[in-house]
Amino acid sequence: MKMSRRTLLYSAAVAASGVAAPAILHRPANAAEFAYKCGTALPDGHPMCIRGREAMKAIKEQSDGRLDITLYTNSALGQDMAMLSQTNAELYFLPMDLLAPRNPAFGIFGVGYAFLGYGNIWKAIDGDLGNHLRSLARQIGFQTVHNCYDHGFRQITTRTKPIQTPADLKGLKIRLPVAPYLIALFQHLGAAPIPISFGEVYSALQTGVVDGQENPLVLIDTAKLYEVQKYCSMTKHTWAGIHVSFSNPAWQRLPPDLQQLADREFNAKALLERADWQVMTMNETKILESKGMVFNSPDIKSFQDELRKSGFYADMKKESGDQAWALLEQYVGPLA
């Protein structure tokens, strides 16, 4: 095709300037410089999703649209383990215990009945133990924001009976996430753990594939598990936290000013989410009771005694490694 004289002159001017024509012609005026996807299995109503979206909005506004992060909830980008092994997102709401198959130290917060309250949890996760885990996460491929979001103490729900003592767990088919420490915990308590992705929990309970599951109260509510479970036993067996985590390549592509902005906003919203969680937890018992759940508070000491007798803590010390275990006991005292 014959080119016009004007087109030839424009092409020559572009070449002389050293600027590539496609960079000028093809980038949409309002396109984000970095358009990232964030994946999570959490439902929309979870406090982390609410505060996370607030952080993403602030990041977009304060960066003049350069960094635009879209949150995909309810496993829209895949179940947890599949999502982490693929490259369909640049960042994740990451429960660190999901990384335990790659390094057993990540399961340290799954050590049953190690943390009995929030007093030492935040000291540990914001302090030396958390710093150790965040360093390991970078080595595996994830840049985690420092402040952890609260996912609460985990409680057991069942269909046919409440859990009062360790004996009530004997042979119970209970759904668990793919988290080795949590699986080991229930094995030592005599249950029959069945690892299932969260997106499949409701149907597994509904069809009787499992008889029970364990999660924080707010997730039991938002996932409507009360429709297929009757009893909620306040076992408080482990605490769960979730970090905003970028993949290393996605983080490294961001210039320093956008790294600092993202870090600042996600950290700030984490502290607000922690406060949200406390308010929600105070209300959840009444909410779930109104939806038909029956609550009980078992004797926690009997579960601790059973775990010591079964050798659980000694096994977890070997599994997690000396460094992670020493950091855990720095905050909770001797366990094994």
Protein backbone atom coordinates (compact mmCIF):
# COMPACT_ATOMS: atom_id res chain seq x y z
CA MET A 1 0.00 0.00 0.00
CA LYS A 2 1.32 3.45 -0.91
CA MET A 3 1.95 5.70 2.12
CA SER A 4 1.08 9.39 2.08
CA ARG A 5 3.81 12.01 2.42
CA ARG A 6 2.36 13.06 5.83
CA THR A 7 2.60 9.46 7.14
CA LEU A 8 6.19 9.14 5.92
CA LEU A 9 7.18 12.44 7.58
CA TYR A 10 5.52 11.36 10.90
CA SER A 11 7.31 8.00 10.85
CA ALA A 12 10.64 9.68 10.20
CA ALA A 13 10.10 12.14 13.06
CA VAL A 14 9.24 9.32 15.47
CA ALA A 15 12.33 7.38 14.44
CA ALA A 16 14.56 10.43 14.89
CA SER A 17 13.17 11.07 18.37
CA GLY A 18 14.00 7.54 19.53
CA VAL A 19 10.41 7.05 20.81
CA ALA A 20 8.55 3.94 19.68
CA ALA A 21 5.32 4.79 17.93
CA PRO A 22 3.28 1.93 19.46
CA ALA A 23 3.92 3.26 22.98
CA ILE A 24 2.28 6.52 21.97
CA LEU A 25 -0.52 5.16 19.85
CA HIS A 26 -1.71 2.02 21.67
CA ARG A 27 -1.99 2.83 25.39
CA PRO A 28 -5.52 3.90 26.36
CA ALA A 29 -5.66 7.29 28.03
CA ASN A 30 -7.21 6.01 31.27
CA ALA A 31 -5.58 2.57 31.45
CA ALA A 32 -3.87 1.59 34.70
CA GLU A 33 -0.13 1.19 34.51
CA PHE A 34 -0.53 -1.88 36.74
CA ALA A 35 -3.87 -3.75 36.66
CA TYR A 36 -3.69 -6.53 39.26
CA LYS A 37 -6.08 -9.29 40.31
CA CYS A 38 -6.42 -10.36 43.93
CA GLY A 39 -7.89 -13.78 44.70
CA THR A 40 -9.46 -15.20 47.83
CA ALA A 41 -11.79 -17.99 48.93
CA LEU A 42 -13.41 -15.63 51.45
CA PRO A 43 -17.02 -14.48 50.90
CA ASP A 44 -17.87 -10.86 50.12
CA GLY A 45 -19.15 -10.15 53.62
CA HIS A 46 -15.93 -11.09 55.39
CA PRO A 47 -14.38 -8.08 57.17
CA MET A 48 -11.11 -8.58 55.29
CA CYS A 49 -12.89 -8.32 51.95
CA ILE A 50 -14.65 -5.14 53.04
CA ARG A 51 -11.50 -3.47 54.34
CA GLY A 52 -9.39 -4.89 51.51
CA ARG A 53 -11.61 -3.24 48.92
CA GLU A 54 -11.32 0.04 50.84
CA ALA A 55 -7.53 -0.24 50.65
CA MET A 56 -7.67 -1.03 46.93
CA LYS A 57 -9.88 2.00 46.27
CA ALA A 58 -7.52 4.26 48.22
CA ILE A 59 -4.51 2.86 46.36
CA LYS A 60 -6.15 3.54 43.00
CA GLU A 61 -7.16 7.06 43.96
CA GLN A 62 -3.85 8.03 45.56
CA SER A 63 -1.86 6.63 42.65
CA ASP A 64 -4.00 8.55 40.12
CA GLY A 65 -5.11 5.23 38.68
CA ARG A 66 -1.63 3.83 38.11
CA LEU A 67 -2.26 0.79 40.35
CA ASP A 68 -5.72 -0.73 40.00
CA ILE A 69 -6.40 -3.89 42.06
CA THR A 70 -9.61 -5.90 41.60
CA LEU A 71 -10.70 -8.32 44.32
CA TYR A 72 -12.21 -11.68 43.33
CA THR A 73 -13.98 -13.36 46.26
CA ASN A 74 -15.68 -16.75 46.75
CA SER A 75 -12.91 -18.68 44.93
CA ALA A 76 -13.76 -16.95 41.63
CA LEU A 77 -10.12 -17.40 40.56
CA GLY A 78 -9.99 -20.99 41.85
CA GLN A 79 -9.79 -22.83 45.16
CA ASP A 80 -6.96 -21.81 47.51
CA MET A 81 -4.33 -24.41 46.65
CA ALA A 82 -5.00 -24.29 42.90
CA MET A 83 -4.92 -20.49 42.93
CA LEU A 84 -1.56 -20.38 44.68
CA SER A 85 -0.02 -22.83 42.22
CA GLN A 86 -1.19 -20.91 39.15
CA THR A 87 -0.47 -17.44 37.81
CA ASN A 88 -4.04 -16.18 37.51
CA ALA A 89 -3.61 -13.47 40.16
CA GLU A 90 -0.91 -11.02 41.22
CA LEU A 91 -1.85 -11.04 44.89
CA TYR A 92 -3.82 -13.12 47.35
CA PHE A 93 -5.49 -13.03 50.73
CA LEU A 94 -3.17 -15.72 52.04
CA PRO A 95 -3.65 -17.88 55.16
CA MET A 96 -0.01 -18.73 55.78
CA ASP A 97 -0.78 -22.25 56.94
CA LEU A 98 -1.54 -23.06 53.30
CA LEU A 99 2.20 -22.74 52.67
CA ALA A 100 3.00 -25.47 55.20
CA PRO A 101 3.38 -28.15 52.49
CA ARG A 102 6.28 -26.07 51.14
CA ASN A 103 7.80 -25.32 54.55
CA PRO A 104 6.40 -26.83 57.77
CA ALA A 105 7.22 -23.70 59.79
CA PHE A 106 4.16 -22.03 58.24
CA GLY A 107 1.89 -24.35 60.18
CA ILE A 108 3.04 -22.99 63.53
CA PHE A 109 -0.22 -21.13 64.21
CA GLY A 110 -2.03 -24.41 63.71
CA VAL A 111 -0.50 -25.81 66.89
CA GLY A 112 -3.65 -26.56 68.83
CA TYR A 113 -4.34 -24.66 72.05
CA ALA A 114 -1.02 -22.80 71.90
CA PHE A 115 -2.70 -19.38 71.79
CA LEU A 116 -5.43 -18.93 74.37
CA GLY A 117 -6.18 -15.26 73.75
CA TYR A 118 -5.36 -12.22 71.67
CA GLY A 119 -2.80 -10.85 74.14
CA ASN A 120 0.07 -12.94 72.81
CA ILE A 121 -1.28 -13.49 69.28
CA TRP A 122 -0.64 -9.96 68.05
CA LYS A 123 2.70 -9.80 69.84
CA ALA A 124 3.74 -12.98 68.05
CA ILE A 125 2.41 -12.29 64.54
CA ASP A 126 3.52 -8.64 64.55
CA GLY A 127 6.85 -9.54 66.17
CA ASP A 128 9.67 -12.02 65.79
CA LEU A 129 7.55 -15.05 64.89
CA GLY A 130 5.66 -13.17 62.21
CA ASN A 131 8.86 -11.64 60.83
CA HIS A 132 10.35 -15.12 60.51
CA LEU A 133 7.33 -16.39 58.57
CA ARG A 134 7.23 -13.34 56.30
CA SER A 135 10.91 -13.86 55.48
CA LEU A 136 10.23 -17.51 54.60
CA ALA A 137 7.26 -16.45 52.44
CA ARG A 138 9.52 -14.18 50.35
CA GLN A 139 11.84 -17.13 49.76
CA ILE A 140 8.90 -19.21 48.54
CA GLY A 141 7.55 -16.47 46.28
CA PHE A 142 5.25 -14.16 48.25
CA GLN A 143 5.77 -10.60 49.47
CA THR A 144 3.43 -10.37 52.46
CA VAL A 145 2.24 -7.09 53.94
CA HIS A 146 3.40 -6.83 57.56
CA ASN A 147 0.08 -6.40 59.39
CA CYS A 148 -2.02 -9.55 59.55
CA TYR A 149 -5.80 -9.48 59.17
CA ASP A 150 -7.88 -11.31 61.77
CA HIS A 151 -9.71 -14.49 60.83
CA GLY A 152 -10.55 -15.40 64.40
CA PHE A 153 -10.44 -18.42 66.66
CA ARG A 154 -11.75 -21.55 65.03
CA GLN A 155 -14.74 -23.39 66.46
CA ILE A 156 -16.19 -26.83 65.65
CA THR A 157 -19.66 -27.33 64.21
CA THR A 158 -21.39 -30.70 63.95
CA ARG A 159 -24.67 -32.11 62.71
CA THR A 160 -25.57 -34.75 65.33
CA LYS A 161 -23.94 -33.91 68.68
CA PRO A 162 -21.97 -31.18 70.48
CA ILE A 163 -18.27 -31.62 71.24
CA GLN A 164 -17.79 -31.57 75.02
CA THR A 165 -14.60 -33.62 75.46
CA PRO A 166 -11.91 -35.15 73.22
CA ALA A 167 -13.87 -38.41 73.34
CA ASP A 168 -16.64 -36.76 71.31
CA LEU A 169 -14.22 -36.34 68.41
CA LYS A 170 -13.38 -40.03 68.14
CA GLY A 171 -14.07 -41.14 64.57
CA LEU A 172 -15.80 -37.86 63.63
CA LYS A 173 -15.53 -37.14 59.91
CA ILE A 174 -14.49 -33.49 59.99
CA ARG A 175 -13.68 -31.22 57.07
CA LEU A 176 -10.36 -29.41 57.32
CA PRO A 177 -8.39 -27.16 54.98
CA VAL A 178 -5.23 -28.58 53.41
CA ALA A 179 -3.17 -27.53 56.45
CA PRO A 180 -0.86 -30.25 57.83
CA TYR A 181 -0.71 -28.98 61.43
CA LEU A 182 -4.48 -28.72 61.67
CA ILE A 183 -4.87 -32.19 60.21
CA ALA A 184 -2.33 -33.56 62.71
CA LEU A 185 -4.17 -31.83 65.56
CA PHE A 186 -7.44 -33.63 64.86
CA GLN A 187 -5.73 -36.93 64.17
CA HIS A 188 -4.16 -36.74 67.65
CA LEU A 189 -7.61 -35.99 69.07
CA GLY A 190 -8.99 -39.14 67.42
CA ALA A 191 -11.07 -37.56 64.64
CA ALA A 192 -11.10 -38.58 60.96
CA PRO A 193 -9.99 -35.44 59.07
CA ILE A 194 -10.99 -35.02 55.42
CA PRO A 195 -9.19 -32.14 53.61
CA ILE A 196 -11.65 -30.26 51.38
CA SER A 197 -11.39 -26.81 49.77
CA PHE A 198 -13.63 -24.22 51.41
CA GLY A 199 -15.75 -23.71 48.34
CA GLU A 200 -16.92 -27.34 48.63
CA VAL A 201 -17.62 -27.36 52.38
CA TYR A 202 -21.34 -26.61 52.24
CA SER A 203 -22.11 -29.42 49.80
CA ALA A 204 -19.88 -31.86 51.72
CA LEU A 205 -21.83 -31.16 54.91
CA GLN A 206 -25.17 -31.24 53.10
CA THR A 207 -24.51 -34.63 51.50
CA GLY A 208 -22.92 -36.21 54.58
CA VAL A 209 -19.44 -36.59 53.11
CA VAL A 210 -18.37 -35.06 56.43
CA ASP A 211 -20.24 -34.68 59.73
CA GLY A 212 -18.59 -31.50 60.92
CA GLN A 213 -16.17 -28.70 60.15
CA GLU A 214 -14.29 -25.97 61.97
CA ASN A 215 -14.05 -22.25 61.23
CA PRO A 216 -14.42 -18.83 62.86
CA LEU A 217 -17.98 -17.86 63.77
CA VAL A 218 -18.30 -15.15 61.16
CA LEU A 219 -17.41 -17.56 58.37
CA ILE A 220 -19.91 -20.09 59.70
CA ASP A 221 -22.48 -17.33 59.34
CA THR A 222 -21.49 -15.77 56.00
CA ALA A 223 -21.10 -19.20 54.36
CA LYS A 224 -24.55 -20.21 55.76
CA LEU A 225 -23.18 -23.37 57.36
CA TYR A 226 -25.89 -23.10 60.01
CA GLU A 227 -28.25 -24.44 57.35
CA VAL A 228 -26.46 -27.81 57.39
CA GLN A 229 -25.06 -27.88 60.97
CA LYS A 230 -26.86 -27.77 64.33
CA TYR A 231 -24.20 -27.57 67.06
CA CYS A 232 -21.37 -25.09 67.53
CA SER A 233 -18.79 -26.00 70.17
CA MET A 234 -16.57 -23.10 71.27
CA THR A 235 -13.35 -25.10 71.23
CA LYS A 236 -11.08 -22.18 70.22
CA HIS A 237 -8.58 -24.81 69.14
CA THR A 238 -6.52 -22.59 66.85
CA TRP A 239 -6.42 -18.99 65.71
CA ALA A 240 -6.24 -17.99 62.06
CA GLY A 241 -4.83 -14.88 60.43
CA ILE A 242 -4.61 -13.86 56.79
CA HIS A 243 -1.99 -11.72 55.05
CA VAL A 244 -2.29 -9.65 51.90
CA SER A 245 0.43 -11.24 49.79
CA PHE A 246 1.79 -10.19 46.40
CA SER A 247 3.58 -12.68 44.20
CA ASN A 248 7.25 -11.73 44.15
CA PRO A 249 7.26 -10.89 40.40
CA ALA A 250 4.15 -8.69 40.76
CA TRP A 251 5.65 -6.88 43.74
CA GLN A 252 9.00 -6.36 42.04
CA ARG A 253 7.34 -4.85 38.96
CA LEU A 254 5.91 -2.04 41.07
CA PRO A 255 8.09 1.08 41.44
CA PRO A 256 9.04 2.03 45.03
CA ASP A 257 6.35 4.70 45.38
CA LEU A 258 3.57 2.23 44.54
CA GLN A 259 5.09 -0.42 46.82
CA GLN A 260 5.06 2.08 49.68
CA LEU A 261 1.49 3.15 48.92
CA ALA A 262 0.17 -0.42 48.77
CA ASP A 263 2.06 -1.38 51.93
CA ARG A 264 0.75 1.64 53.82
CA GLU A 265 -2.90 1.22 52.84
CA PHE A 266 -3.12 -2.53 53.39
CA ASN A 267 -1.35 -2.19 56.75
CA ALA A 268 -3.69 0.58 57.90
CA LYS A 269 -6.82 -1.33 56.90
CA ALA A 270 -5.58 -4.44 58.71
CA LEU A 271 -5.75 -2.62 62.04
CA LEU A 272 -9.30 -1.46 61.29
CA GLU A 273 -10.28 -5.00 60.29
CA ARG A 274 -8.96 -6.35 63.59
CA ALA A 275 -11.31 -4.01 65.44
CA ASP A 276 -14.18 -4.94 63.09
CA TRP A 277 -13.59 -8.59 63.88
CA GLN A 278 -13.96 -8.10 67.62
CA VAL A 279 -17.29 -6.33 67.18
CA MET A 280 -18.57 -8.99 64.78
CA THR A 281 -17.50 -11.86 67.04
CA MET A 282 -19.41 -10.33 69.96
CA ASN A 283 -22.58 -10.38 67.87
CA GLU A 284 -22.16 -13.67 66.02
CA THR A 285 -23.27 -16.00 68.82
CA LYS A 286 -26.64 -14.28 69.04
CA ILE A 287 -26.97 -14.15 65.26
CA LEU A 288 -26.24 -17.85 64.84
CA GLU A 289 -28.49 -18.80 67.75
CA SER A 290 -31.31 -16.92 66.05
CA LYS A 291 -30.65 -19.08 62.97
CA GLY A 292 -30.99 -22.31 64.93
CA MET A 293 -27.47 -23.17 66.12
CA VAL A 294 -26.97 -24.57 69.62
CA PHE A 295 -23.81 -23.45 71.46
CA ASN A 296 -21.71 -25.07 74.17
CA SER A 297 -18.36 -24.29 75.81
CA PRO A 298 -16.23 -27.41 76.40
CA ASP A 299 -13.44 -27.76 78.96
CA ILE A 300 -10.38 -26.65 76.99
CA LYS A 301 -7.91 -28.07 79.51
CA SER A 302 -9.06 -31.62 78.72
CA PHE A 303 -8.05 -31.07 75.08
CA GLN A 304 -4.64 -29.71 76.09
CA ASP A 305 -4.07 -32.71 78.36
CA GLU A 306 -5.03 -35.11 75.57
CA LEU A 307 -2.60 -33.45 73.15
CA ARG A 308 0.29 -33.65 75.61
CA LYS A 309 -0.51 -37.30 76.35
CA SER A 310 -0.70 -38.17 72.66
CA GLY A 311 2.68 -36.58 71.90
CA PHE A 312 1.20 -33.90 69.62
CA TYR A 313 3.36 -31.05 70.91
CA ALA A 314 6.54 -33.12 70.74
CA ASP A 315 5.69 -34.09 67.16
CA MET A 316 4.96 -30.49 66.18
CA LYS A 317 8.26 -29.35 67.64
CA LYS A 318 10.10 -31.82 65.40
CA GLU A 319 7.95 -30.91 62.40
CA SER A 320 8.24 -27.13 62.61
CA GLY A 321 11.96 -26.97 63.31
CA ASP A 322 13.87 -25.54 66.25
CA GLN A 323 13.74 -21.90 65.13
CA ALA A 324 9.99 -21.62 64.57
CA TRP A 325 9.23 -23.60 67.74
CA ALA A 326 11.55 -21.46 69.86
CA LEU A 327 9.87 -18.33 68.53
CA LEU A 328 6.43 -19.78 69.32
CA GLU A 329 7.39 -20.65 72.90
CA GLN A 330 8.90 -17.16 73.25
CA TYR A 331 5.30 -15.91 73.27
CA VAL A 332 3.24 -18.79 74.72
CA GLY A 333 5.65 -20.51 77.11
CA PRO A 334 6.74 -24.20 77.09
CA LEU A 335 4.38 -26.60 75.33
CA ALA A 336 6.25 -29.82 74.58
